[in-house]
Amino acid sequence: FAMLLPSARKGLSALLERYPSDVVLITALRTPVARSFRGSFKDAYPEELLANILSVTQRKLKDFGVEETTVNDIAVGNVLMELGGAKSGRLAALHAG
């Protein structure tokens, strides 16, 4: 908070505010591990791999009765990607539907 402009601080505070009606679903999935430059995924883009994970997550949510139209946000975590993986997360979400 210390480095943010006052207007940004106000917006961040509103984002972090909690409401009793908030619902958070957490899932932990990962892609299979393969050798980096010679393995089976050597020609795959990270967005393609993540899109597969998001598609599986969609199917799991449907199994629990959660309609995809009720999902407002997707947060993706990864390590050592340019821009913190923000680009990959966005592209994968669009690719997964």
PDB file of N, CA and C in Angstrom:
ATOM      1  N   PHE A   1       0.800  -1.205   0.000  1.00  0.00           N
ATOM      2  CA  PHE A   1       0.000   0.000   0.000  1.00  0.00           C
ATOM      3  C   PHE A   1       0.845   1.272   0.000  1.00  0.00           C
ATOM      4  N   ALA A   2       2.021   1.216   0.573  1.00  0.00           N
ATOM      5  CA  ALA A   2       2.823   2.419   0.772  1.00  0.00           C
ATOM      6  C   ALA A   2       3.226   3.087  -0.529  1.00  0.00           C
ATOM      7  N   MET A   3       3.486   2.340  -1.583  1.00  0.00           N
ATOM      8  CA  MET A   3       3.983   2.897  -2.836  1.00  0.00           C
ATOM      9  C   MET A   3       2.864   3.313  -3.795  1.00  0.00           C
ATOM     10  N   LEU A   4       1.618   3.038  -3.468  1.00  0.00           N
ATOM     11  CA  LEU A   4       0.517   3.334  -4.376  1.00  0.00           C
ATOM     12  C   LEU A   4       0.045   4.775  -4.240  1.00  0.00           C
ATOM     13  N   LEU A   5      -0.405   5.335  -5.344  1.00  0.00           N
ATOM     14  CA  LEU A   5      -1.034   6.651  -5.310  1.00  0.00           C
ATOM     15  C   LEU A   5      -2.337   6.552  -4.529  1.00  0.00           C
ATOM     16  N   PRO A   6      -2.813   7.663  -3.969  1.00  0.00           N
ATOM     17  CA  PRO A   6      -4.050   7.615  -3.179  1.00  0.00           C
ATOM     18  C   PRO A   6      -5.235   7.017  -3.945  1.00  0.00           C
ATOM     19  N   SER A   7      -5.375   7.353  -5.216  1.00  0.00           N
ATOM     20  CA  SER A   7      -6.506   6.812  -5.985  1.00  0.00           C
ATOM     21  C   SER A   7      -6.368   5.303  -6.174  1.00  0.00           C
ATOM     22  N   ALA A   8      -5.146   4.832  -6.399  1.00  0.00           N
ATOM     23  CA  ALA A   8      -4.919   3.393  -6.555  1.00  0.00           C
ATOM     24  C   ALA A   8      -5.129   2.676  -5.227  1.00  0.00           C
ATOM     25  N   ARG A   9      -4.724   3.302  -4.140  1.00  0.00           N
ATOM     26  CA  ARG A   9      -4.900   2.708  -2.817  1.00  0.00           C
ATOM     27  C   ARG A   9      -6.382   2.504  -2.517  1.00  0.00           C
ATOM     28  N   LYS A  10      -7.201   3.494  -2.895  1.00  0.00           N
ATOM     29  CA  LYS A  10      -8.644   3.397  -2.667  1.00  0.00           C
ATOM     30  C   LYS A  10      -9.234   2.255  -3.499  1.00  0.00           C
ATOM     31  N   GLY A  11      -8.808   2.138  -4.753  1.00  0.00           N
ATOM     32  CA  GLY A  11      -9.304   1.064  -5.613  1.00  0.00           C
ATOM     33  C   GLY A  11      -8.892  -0.305  -5.112  1.00  0.00           C
ATOM     34  N   LEU A  12      -7.657  -0.428  -4.643  1.00  0.00           N
ATOM     35  CA  LEU A  12      -7.176  -1.697  -4.115  1.00  0.00           C
ATOM     36  C   LEU A  12      -7.932  -2.070  -2.849  1.00  0.00           C
ATOM     37  N   SER A  13      -8.208  -1.099  -2.005  1.00  0.00           N
ATOM     38  CA  SER A  13      -8.975  -1.372  -0.784  1.00  0.00           C
ATOM     39  C   SER A  13     -10.358  -1.910  -1.119  1.00  0.00           C
ATOM     40  N   ALA A  14     -10.989  -1.333  -2.126  1.00  0.00           N
ATOM     41  CA  ALA A  14     -12.313  -1.804  -2.537  1.00  0.00           C
ATOM     42  C   ALA A  14     -12.243  -3.223  -3.086  1.00  0.00           C
ATOM     43  N   LEU A  15     -11.176  -3.526  -3.814  1.00  0.00           N
ATOM     44  CA  LEU A  15     -11.008  -4.877  -4.356  1.00  0.00           C
ATOM     45  C   LEU A  15     -10.818  -5.917  -3.261  1.00  0.00           C
ATOM     46  N   LEU A  16     -10.091  -5.545  -2.222  1.00  0.00           N
ATOM     47  CA  LEU A  16      -9.777  -6.486  -1.155  1.00  0.00           C
ATOM     48  C   LEU A  16     -10.873  -6.603  -0.107  1.00  0.00           C
ATOM     49  N   GLU A  17     -11.915  -5.795  -0.218  1.00  0.00           N
ATOM     50  CA  GLU A  17     -13.008  -5.838   0.739  1.00  0.00           C
ATOM     51  C   GLU A  17     -13.760  -7.157   0.606  1.00  0.00           C
ATOM     52  N   ARG A  18     -14.118  -7.744   1.725  1.00  0.00           N
ATOM     53  CA  ARG A  18     -14.797  -9.039   1.716  1.00  0.00           C
ATOM     54  C   ARG A  18     -16.279  -8.863   2.008  1.00  0.00           C
ATOM     55  N   TYR A  19     -17.073  -9.702   1.378  1.00  0.00           N
ATOM     56  CA  TYR A  19     -18.511  -9.688   1.570  1.00  0.00           C
ATOM     57  C   TYR A  19     -18.971 -11.093   1.943  1.00  0.00           C
ATOM     58  N   PRO A  20     -20.013 -11.220   2.754  1.00  0.00           N
ATOM     59  CA  PRO A  20     -20.498 -12.553   3.124  1.00  0.00           C
ATOM     60  C   PRO A  20     -20.951 -13.384   1.920  1.00  0.00           C
ATOM     61  N   SER A  21     -21.329 -12.732   0.847  1.00  0.00           N
ATOM     62  CA  SER A  21     -21.813 -13.459  -0.334  1.00  0.00           C
ATOM     63  C   SER A  21     -20.682 -13.914  -1.260  1.00  0.00           C
ATOM     64  N   ASP A  22     -19.438 -13.534  -0.959  1.00  0.00           N
ATOM     65  CA  ASP A  22     -18.307 -13.948  -1.793  1.00  0.00           C
ATOM     66  C   ASP A  22     -18.102 -15.455  -1.706  1.00  0.00           C
ATOM     67  N   VAL A  23     -17.897 -16.069  -2.840  1.00  0.00           N
ATOM     68  CA  VAL A  23     -17.601 -17.498  -2.903  1.00  0.00           C
ATOM     69  C   VAL A  23     -16.266 -17.657  -3.622  1.00  0.00           C
ATOM     70  N   VAL A  24     -15.376 -18.428  -3.046  1.00  0.00           N
ATOM     71  CA  VAL A  24     -14.070 -18.672  -3.649  1.00  0.00           C
ATOM     72  C   VAL A  24     -13.903 -20.172  -3.831  1.00  0.00           C
ATOM     73  N   LEU A  25     -13.631 -20.569  -5.058  1.00  0.00           N
ATOM     74  CA  LEU A  25     -13.355 -21.969  -5.364  1.00  0.00           C
ATOM     75  C   LEU A  25     -11.880 -22.084  -5.696  1.00  0.00           C
ATOM     76  N   ILE A  26     -11.212 -23.036  -5.079  1.00  0.00           N
ATOM     77  CA  ILE A  26      -9.781 -23.213  -5.302  1.00  0.00           C
ATOM     78  C   ILE A  26      -9.546 -24.618  -5.829  1.00  0.00           C
ATOM     79  N   THR A  27      -8.768 -24.706  -6.880  1.00  0.00           N
ATOM     80  CA  THR A  27      -8.387 -26.004  -7.416  1.00  0.00           C
ATOM     81  C   THR A  27      -6.891 -25.991  -7.674  1.00  0.00           C
ATOM     82  N   ALA A  28      -6.272 -27.115  -7.507  1.00  0.00           N
ATOM     83  CA  ALA A  28      -4.833 -27.223  -7.747  1.00  0.00           C
ATOM     84  C   ALA A  28      -4.599 -28.341  -8.755  1.00  0.00           C
ATOM     85  N   LEU A  29      -4.271 -27.965  -9.954  1.00  0.00           N
ATOM     86  CA  LEU A  29      -3.966 -28.919 -11.018  1.00  0.00           C
ATOM     87  C   LEU A  29      -2.642 -28.514 -11.646  1.00  0.00           C
ATOM     88  N   ARG A  30      -1.987 -29.450 -12.288  1.00  0.00           N
ATOM     89  CA  ARG A  30      -0.748 -29.117 -12.980  1.00  0.00           C
ATOM     90  C   ARG A  30      -0.622 -29.968 -14.228  1.00  0.00           C
ATOM     91  N   THR A  31       0.222 -29.514 -15.112  1.00  0.00           N
ATOM     92  CA  THR A  31       0.492 -30.282 -16.326  1.00  0.00           C
ATOM     93  C   THR A  31       1.502 -31.374 -15.998  1.00  0.00           C
ATOM     94  N   PRO A  32       1.560 -32.423 -16.808  1.00  0.00           N
ATOM     95  CA  PRO A  32       2.583 -33.448 -16.590  1.00  0.00           C
ATOM     96  C   PRO A  32       3.981 -32.855 -16.767  1.00  0.00           C
ATOM     97  N   VAL A  33       4.943 -33.497 -16.183  1.00  0.00           N
ATOM     98  CA  VAL A  33       6.331 -33.055 -16.280  1.00  0.00           C
ATOM     99  C   VAL A  33       7.002 -33.790 -17.435  1.00  0.00           C
ATOM    100  N   ALA A  34       7.751 -33.063 -18.241  1.00  0.00           N
ATOM    101  CA  ALA A  34       8.497 -33.662 -19.357  1.00  0.00           C
ATOM    102  C   ALA A  34       9.839 -32.947 -19.472  1.00  0.00           C
ATOM    103  N   ARG A  35      10.746 -33.519 -20.207  1.00  0.00           N
ATOM    104  CA  ARG A  35      12.046 -32.883 -20.430  1.00  0.00           C
ATOM    105  C   ARG A  35      11.829 -31.583 -21.202  1.00  0.00           C
ATOM    106  N   SER A  36      12.543 -30.555 -20.832  1.00  0.00           N
ATOM    107  CA  SER A  36      12.245 -29.227 -21.358  1.00  0.00           C
ATOM    108  C   SER A  36      12.439 -29.061 -22.860  1.00  0.00           C
ATOM    109  N   PHE A  37      13.580 -29.361 -23.413  1.00  0.00           N
ATOM    110  CA  PHE A  37      13.802 -29.057 -24.831  1.00  0.00           C
ATOM    111  C   PHE A  37      13.718 -30.273 -25.741  1.00  0.00           C
ATOM    112  N   ARG A  38      13.646 -31.474 -25.167  1.00  0.00           N
ATOM    113  CA  ARG A  38      13.569 -32.677 -25.991  1.00  0.00           C
ATOM    114  C   ARG A  38      12.341 -33.519 -25.679  1.00  0.00           C
ATOM    115  N   GLY A  39      11.545 -33.104 -24.714  1.00  0.00           N
ATOM    116  CA  GLY A  39      10.415 -33.905 -24.263  1.00  0.00           C
ATOM    117  C   GLY A  39       9.185 -33.778 -25.145  1.00  0.00           C
ATOM    118  N   SER A  40       8.126 -34.418 -24.696  1.00  0.00           N
ATOM    119  CA  SER A  40       6.900 -34.479 -25.489  1.00  0.00           C
ATOM    120  C   SER A  40       6.196 -33.126 -25.616  1.00  0.00           C
ATOM    121  N   PHE A  41       6.503 -32.181 -24.749  1.00  0.00           N
ATOM    122  CA  PHE A  41       5.863 -30.861 -24.820  1.00  0.00           C
ATOM    123  C   PHE A  41       6.781 -29.795 -25.406  1.00  0.00           C
ATOM    124  N   LYS A  42       7.853 -30.192 -26.070  1.00  0.00           N
ATOM    125  CA  LYS A  42       8.843 -29.218 -26.546  1.00  0.00           C
ATOM    126  C   LYS A  42       8.264 -28.217 -27.540  1.00  0.00           C
ATOM    127  N   ASP A  43       7.221 -28.592 -28.276  1.00  0.00           N
ATOM    128  CA  ASP A  43       6.616 -27.685 -29.252  1.00  0.00           C
ATOM    129  C   ASP A  43       5.335 -27.030 -28.736  1.00  0.00           C
ATOM    130  N   ALA A  44       4.977 -27.295 -27.500  1.00  0.00           N
ATOM    131  CA  ALA A  44       3.734 -26.755 -26.940  1.00  0.00           C
ATOM    132  C   ALA A  44       3.985 -25.390 -26.299  1.00  0.00           C
ATOM    133  N   TYR A  45       3.046 -24.488 -26.493  1.00  0.00           N
ATOM    134  CA  TYR A  45       3.100 -23.180 -25.847  1.00  0.00           C
ATOM    135  C   TYR A  45       2.506 -23.302 -24.447  1.00  0.00           C
ATOM    136  N   PRO A  46       2.986 -22.502 -23.492  1.00  0.00           N
ATOM    137  CA  PRO A  46       2.437 -22.560 -22.133  1.00  0.00           C
ATOM    138  C   PRO A  46       0.928 -22.316 -22.106  1.00  0.00           C
ATOM    139  N   GLU A  47       0.450 -21.454 -22.997  1.00  0.00           N
ATOM    140  CA  GLU A  47      -0.983 -21.153 -23.037  1.00  0.00           C
ATOM    141  C   GLU A  47      -1.803 -22.384 -23.404  1.00  0.00           C
ATOM    142  N   GLU A  48      -1.276 -23.228 -24.278  1.00  0.00           N
ATOM    143  CA  GLU A  48      -1.981 -24.456 -24.664  1.00  0.00           C
ATOM    144  C   GLU A  48      -2.073 -25.422 -23.486  1.00  0.00           C
ATOM    145  N   LEU A  49      -0.980 -25.556 -22.753  1.00  0.00           N
ATOM    146  CA  LEU A  49      -0.980 -26.444 -21.594  1.00  0.00           C
ATOM    147  C   LEU A  49      -1.938 -25.934 -20.521  1.00  0.00           C
ATOM    148  N   LEU A  50      -1.915 -24.631 -20.272  1.00  0.00           N
ATOM    149  CA  LEU A  50      -2.793 -24.048 -19.265  1.00  0.00           C
ATOM    150  C   LEU A  50      -4.251 -24.113 -19.699  1.00  0.00           C
ATOM    151  N   ALA A  51      -4.522 -23.948 -20.986  1.00  0.00           N
ATOM    152  CA  ALA A  51      -5.901 -24.045 -21.477  1.00  0.00           C
ATOM    153  C   ALA A  51      -6.471 -25.426 -21.187  1.00  0.00           C
ATOM    154  N   ASN A  52      -5.647 -26.455 -21.305  1.00  0.00           N
ATOM    155  CA  ASN A  52      -6.089 -27.805 -20.985  1.00  0.00           C
ATOM    156  C   ASN A  52      -6.456 -27.917 -19.504  1.00  0.00           C
ATOM    157  N   ILE A  53      -5.644 -27.338 -18.640  1.00  0.00           N
ATOM    158  CA  ILE A  53      -5.925 -27.340 -17.200  1.00  0.00           C
ATOM    159  C   ILE A  53      -7.231 -26.604 -16.917  1.00  0.00           C
ATOM    160  N   LEU A  54      -7.445 -25.465 -17.569  1.00  0.00           N
ATOM    161  CA  LEU A  54      -8.671 -24.694 -17.346  1.00  0.00           C
ATOM    162  C   LEU A  54      -9.900 -25.437 -17.857  1.00  0.00           C
ATOM    163  N   SER A  55      -9.764 -26.172 -18.952  1.00  0.00           N
ATOM    164  CA  SER A  55     -10.881 -26.972 -19.471  1.00  0.00           C
ATOM    165  C   SER A  55     -11.264 -28.075 -18.488  1.00  0.00           C
ATOM    166  N   VAL A  56     -10.259 -28.716 -17.913  1.00  0.00           N
ATOM    167  CA  VAL A  56     -10.526 -29.750 -16.902  1.00  0.00           C
ATOM    168  C   VAL A  56     -11.206 -29.122 -15.689  1.00  0.00           C
ATOM    169  N   THR A  57     -10.758 -27.939 -15.302  1.00  0.00           N
ATOM    170  CA  THR A  57     -11.377 -27.236 -14.178  1.00  0.00           C
ATOM    171  C   THR A  57     -12.833 -26.918 -14.478  1.00  0.00           C
ATOM    172  N   GLN A  58     -13.135 -26.482 -15.705  1.00  0.00           N
ATOM    173  CA  GLN A  58     -14.524 -26.224 -16.100  1.00  0.00           C
ATOM    174  C   GLN A  58     -15.373 -27.475 -15.942  1.00  0.00           C
ATOM    175  N   ARG A  59     -14.864 -28.608 -16.402  1.00  0.00           N
ATOM    176  CA  ARG A  59     -15.618 -29.866 -16.288  1.00  0.00           C
ATOM    177  C   ARG A  59     -15.844 -30.233 -14.824  1.00  0.00           C
ATOM    178  N   LYS A  60     -14.832 -30.038 -13.988  1.00  0.00           N
ATOM    179  CA  LYS A  60     -14.980 -30.352 -12.566  1.00  0.00           C
ATOM    180  C   LYS A  60     -16.031 -29.453 -11.913  1.00  0.00           C
ATOM    181  N   LEU A  61     -16.030 -28.177 -12.274  1.00  0.00           N
ATOM    182  CA  LEU A  61     -17.028 -27.261 -11.721  1.00  0.00           C
ATOM    183  C   LEU A  61     -18.434 -27.669 -12.142  1.00  0.00           C
ATOM    184  N   LYS A  62     -18.604 -28.079 -13.402  1.00  0.00           N
ATOM    185  CA  LYS A  62     -19.916 -28.540 -13.869  1.00  0.00           C
ATOM    186  C   LYS A  62     -20.365 -29.764 -13.092  1.00  0.00           C
ATOM    187  N   ASP A  63     -19.420 -30.657 -12.755  1.00  0.00           N
ATOM    188  CA  ASP A  63     -19.752 -31.842 -11.955  1.00  0.00           C
ATOM    189  C   ASP A  63     -20.289 -31.455 -10.584  1.00  0.00           C
ATOM    190  N   PHE A  64     -19.837 -30.318 -10.055  1.00  0.00           N
ATOM    191  CA  PHE A  64     -20.315 -29.831  -8.766  1.00  0.00           C
ATOM    192  C   PHE A  64     -21.539 -28.921  -8.910  1.00  0.00           C
ATOM    193  N   GLY A  65     -22.035 -28.757 -10.130  1.00  0.00           N
ATOM    194  CA  GLY A  65     -23.224 -27.943 -10.350  1.00  0.00           C
ATOM    195  C   GLY A  65     -22.964 -26.459 -10.491  1.00  0.00           C
ATOM    196  N   VAL A  66     -21.727 -26.073 -10.723  1.00  0.00           N
ATOM    197  CA  VAL A  66     -21.384 -24.657 -10.889  1.00  0.00           C
ATOM    198  C   VAL A  66     -21.394 -24.331 -12.376  1.00  0.00           C
ATOM    199  N   GLU A  67     -22.256 -23.404 -12.772  1.00  0.00           N
ATOM    200  CA  GLU A  67     -22.326 -22.987 -14.174  1.00  0.00           C
ATOM    201  C   GLU A  67     -21.169 -22.043 -14.482  1.00  0.00           C
ATOM    202  N   GLU A  68     -20.599 -22.177 -15.667  1.00  0.00           N
ATOM    203  CA  GLU A  68     -19.441 -21.345 -16.013  1.00  0.00           C
ATOM    204  C   GLU A  68     -19.788 -19.865 -16.103  1.00  0.00           C
ATOM    205  N   THR A  69     -21.053 -19.542 -16.309  1.00  0.00           N
ATOM    206  CA  THR A  69     -21.450 -18.132 -16.385  1.00  0.00           C
ATOM    207  C   THR A  69     -21.386 -17.445 -15.023  1.00  0.00           C
ATOM    208  N   THR A  70     -21.316 -18.229 -13.939  1.00  0.00           N
ATOM    209  CA  THR A  70     -21.240 -17.628 -12.608  1.00  0.00           C
ATOM    210  C   THR A  70     -19.807 -17.344 -12.173  1.00  0.00           C
ATOM    211  N   VAL A  71     -18.833 -17.792 -12.945  1.00  0.00           N
ATOM    212  CA  VAL A  71     -17.426 -17.548 -12.610  1.00  0.00           C
ATOM    213  C   VAL A  71     -17.040 -16.166 -13.132  1.00  0.00           C
ATOM    214  N   ASN A  72     -16.610 -15.300 -12.227  1.00  0.00           N
ATOM    215  CA  ASN A  72     -16.262 -13.925 -12.602  1.00  0.00           C
ATOM    216  C   ASN A  72     -14.775 -13.723 -12.843  1.00  0.00           C
ATOM    217  N   ASP A  73     -13.940 -14.414 -12.096  1.00  0.00           N
ATOM    218  CA  ASP A  73     -12.497 -14.201 -12.174  1.00  0.00           C
ATOM    219  C   ASP A  73     -11.760 -15.529 -12.162  1.00  0.00           C
ATOM    220  N   ILE A  74     -10.598 -15.525 -12.782  1.00  0.00           N
ATOM    221  CA  ILE A  74      -9.696 -16.669 -12.748  1.00  0.00           C
ATOM    222  C   ILE A  74      -8.336 -16.141 -12.319  1.00  0.00           C
ATOM    223  N   ALA A  75      -7.732 -16.778 -11.346  1.00  0.00           N
ATOM    224  CA  ALA A  75      -6.377 -16.420 -10.916  1.00  0.00           C
ATOM    225  C   ALA A  75      -5.475 -17.619 -11.168  1.00  0.00           C
ATOM    226  N   VAL A  76      -4.372 -17.378 -11.849  1.00  0.00           N
ATOM    227  CA  VAL A  76      -3.445 -18.444 -12.205  1.00  0.00           C
ATOM    228  C   VAL A  76      -2.086 -18.126 -11.604  1.00  0.00           C
ATOM    229  N   GLY A  77      -1.479 -19.112 -11.004  1.00  0.00           N
ATOM    230  CA  GLY A  77      -0.148 -18.921 -10.450  1.00  0.00           C
ATOM    231  C   GLY A  77       0.861 -19.776 -11.187  1.00  0.00           C
ATOM    232  N   ASN A  78       2.024 -19.205 -11.444  1.00  0.00           N
ATOM    233  CA  ASN A  78       3.110 -19.960 -12.066  1.00  0.00           C
ATOM    234  C   ASN A  78       4.436 -19.333 -11.659  1.00  0.00           C
ATOM    235  N   VAL A  79       5.500 -19.971 -12.047  1.00  0.00           N
ATOM    236  CA  VAL A  79       6.826 -19.538 -11.615  1.00  0.00           C
ATOM    237  C   VAL A  79       7.684 -19.206 -12.825  1.00  0.00           C
ATOM    238  N   LEU A  80       8.465 -18.138 -12.727  1.00  0.00           N
ATOM    239  CA  LEU A  80       9.477 -17.773 -13.725  1.00  0.00           C
ATOM    240  C   LEU A  80       8.931 -17.566 -15.130  1.00  0.00           C
ATOM    241  N   MET A  81       7.835 -16.869 -15.254  1.00  0.00           N
ATOM    242  CA  MET A  81       7.299 -16.547 -16.577  1.00  0.00           C
ATOM    243  C   MET A  81       7.358 -15.042 -16.770  1.00  0.00           C
ATOM    244  N   GLU A  82       7.515 -14.612 -18.018  1.00  0.00           N
ATOM    245  CA  GLU A  82       7.538 -13.178 -18.302  1.00  0.00           C
ATOM    246  C   GLU A  82       6.206 -12.554 -17.904  1.00  0.00           C
ATOM    247  N   LEU A  83       6.235 -11.358 -17.427  1.00  0.00           N
ATOM    248  CA  LEU A  83       5.064 -10.621 -16.956  1.00  0.00           C
ATOM    249  C   LEU A  83       4.337 -11.357 -15.839  1.00  0.00           C
ATOM    250  N   GLY A  84       5.020 -12.246 -15.140  1.00  0.00           N
ATOM    251  CA  GLY A  84       4.395 -12.992 -14.054  1.00  0.00           C
ATOM    252  C   GLY A  84       3.333 -13.956 -14.534  1.00  0.00           C
ATOM    253  N   GLY A  85       3.331 -14.282 -15.811  1.00  0.00           N
ATOM    254  CA  GLY A  85       2.357 -15.218 -16.354  1.00  0.00           C
ATOM    255  C   GLY A  85       1.015 -14.589 -16.684  1.00  0.00           C
ATOM    256  N   ALA A  86       0.898 -13.274 -16.551  1.00  0.00           N
ATOM    257  CA  ALA A  86      -0.384 -12.612 -16.805  1.00  0.00           C
ATOM    258  C   ALA A  86      -0.852 -12.837 -18.233  1.00  0.00           C
ATOM    259  N   LYS A  87       0.053 -12.730 -19.178  1.00  0.00           N
ATOM    260  CA  LYS A  87      -0.306 -12.932 -20.586  1.00  0.00           C
ATOM    261  C   LYS A  87      -0.758 -14.369 -20.814  1.00  0.00           C
ATOM    262  N   SER A  88      -0.019 -15.323 -20.284  1.00  0.00           N
ATOM    263  CA  SER A  88      -0.357 -16.736 -20.469  1.00  0.00           C
ATOM    264  C   SER A  88      -1.705 -17.068 -19.856  1.00  0.00           C
ATOM    265  N   GLY A  89      -1.966 -16.549 -18.668  1.00  0.00           N
ATOM    266  CA  GLY A  89      -3.248 -16.805 -18.016  1.00  0.00           C
ATOM    267  C   GLY A  89      -4.415 -16.282 -18.822  1.00  0.00           C
ATOM    268  N   ARG A  90      -4.284 -15.088 -19.342  1.00  0.00           N
ATOM    269  CA  ARG A  90      -5.352 -14.477 -20.151  1.00  0.00           C
ATOM    270  C   ARG A  90      -5.576 -15.257 -21.442  1.00  0.00           C
ATOM    271  N   LEU A  91      -4.510 -15.570 -22.161  1.00  0.00           N
ATOM    272  CA  LEU A  91      -4.640 -16.304 -23.419  1.00  0.00           C
ATOM    273  C   LEU A  91      -5.207 -17.700 -23.196  1.00  0.00           C
ATOM    274  N   ALA A  92      -4.772 -18.366 -22.136  1.00  0.00           N
ATOM    275  CA  ALA A  92      -5.283 -19.705 -21.846  1.00  0.00           C
ATOM    276  C   ALA A  92      -6.763 -19.667 -21.490  1.00  0.00           C
ATOM    277  N   ALA A  93      -7.182 -18.664 -20.729  1.00  0.00           N
ATOM    278  CA  ALA A  93      -8.597 -18.541 -20.376  1.00  0.00           C
ATOM    279  C   ALA A  93      -9.446 -18.324 -21.623  1.00  0.00           C
ATOM    280  N   LEU A  94      -8.965 -17.509 -22.538  1.00  0.00           N
ATOM    281  CA  LEU A  94      -9.697 -17.292 -23.788  1.00  0.00           C
ATOM    282  C   LEU A  94      -9.740 -18.565 -24.624  1.00  0.00           C
ATOM    283  N   HIS A  95      -8.632 -19.287 -24.670  1.00  0.00           N
ATOM    284  CA  HIS A  95      -8.552 -20.524 -25.449  1.00  0.00           C
ATOM    285  C   HIS A  95      -9.455 -21.611 -24.858  1.00  0.00           C
ATOM    286  N   ALA A  96      -9.543 -21.665 -23.529  1.00  0.00           N
ATOM    287  CA  ALA A  96     -10.348 -22.695 -22.862  1.00  0.00           C
ATOM    288  C   ALA A  96     -11.840 -22.390 -22.935  1.00  0.00           C
ATOM    289  N   GLY A  97     -12.184 -21.152 -23.211  1.00  0.00           N
ATOM    290  CA  GLY A  97     -13.599 -20.792 -23.311  1.00  0.00           C
ATOM    291  C   GLY A  97     -14.090 -20.193 -22.039  1.00  0.00           C
TER     292      GLY A  97
END
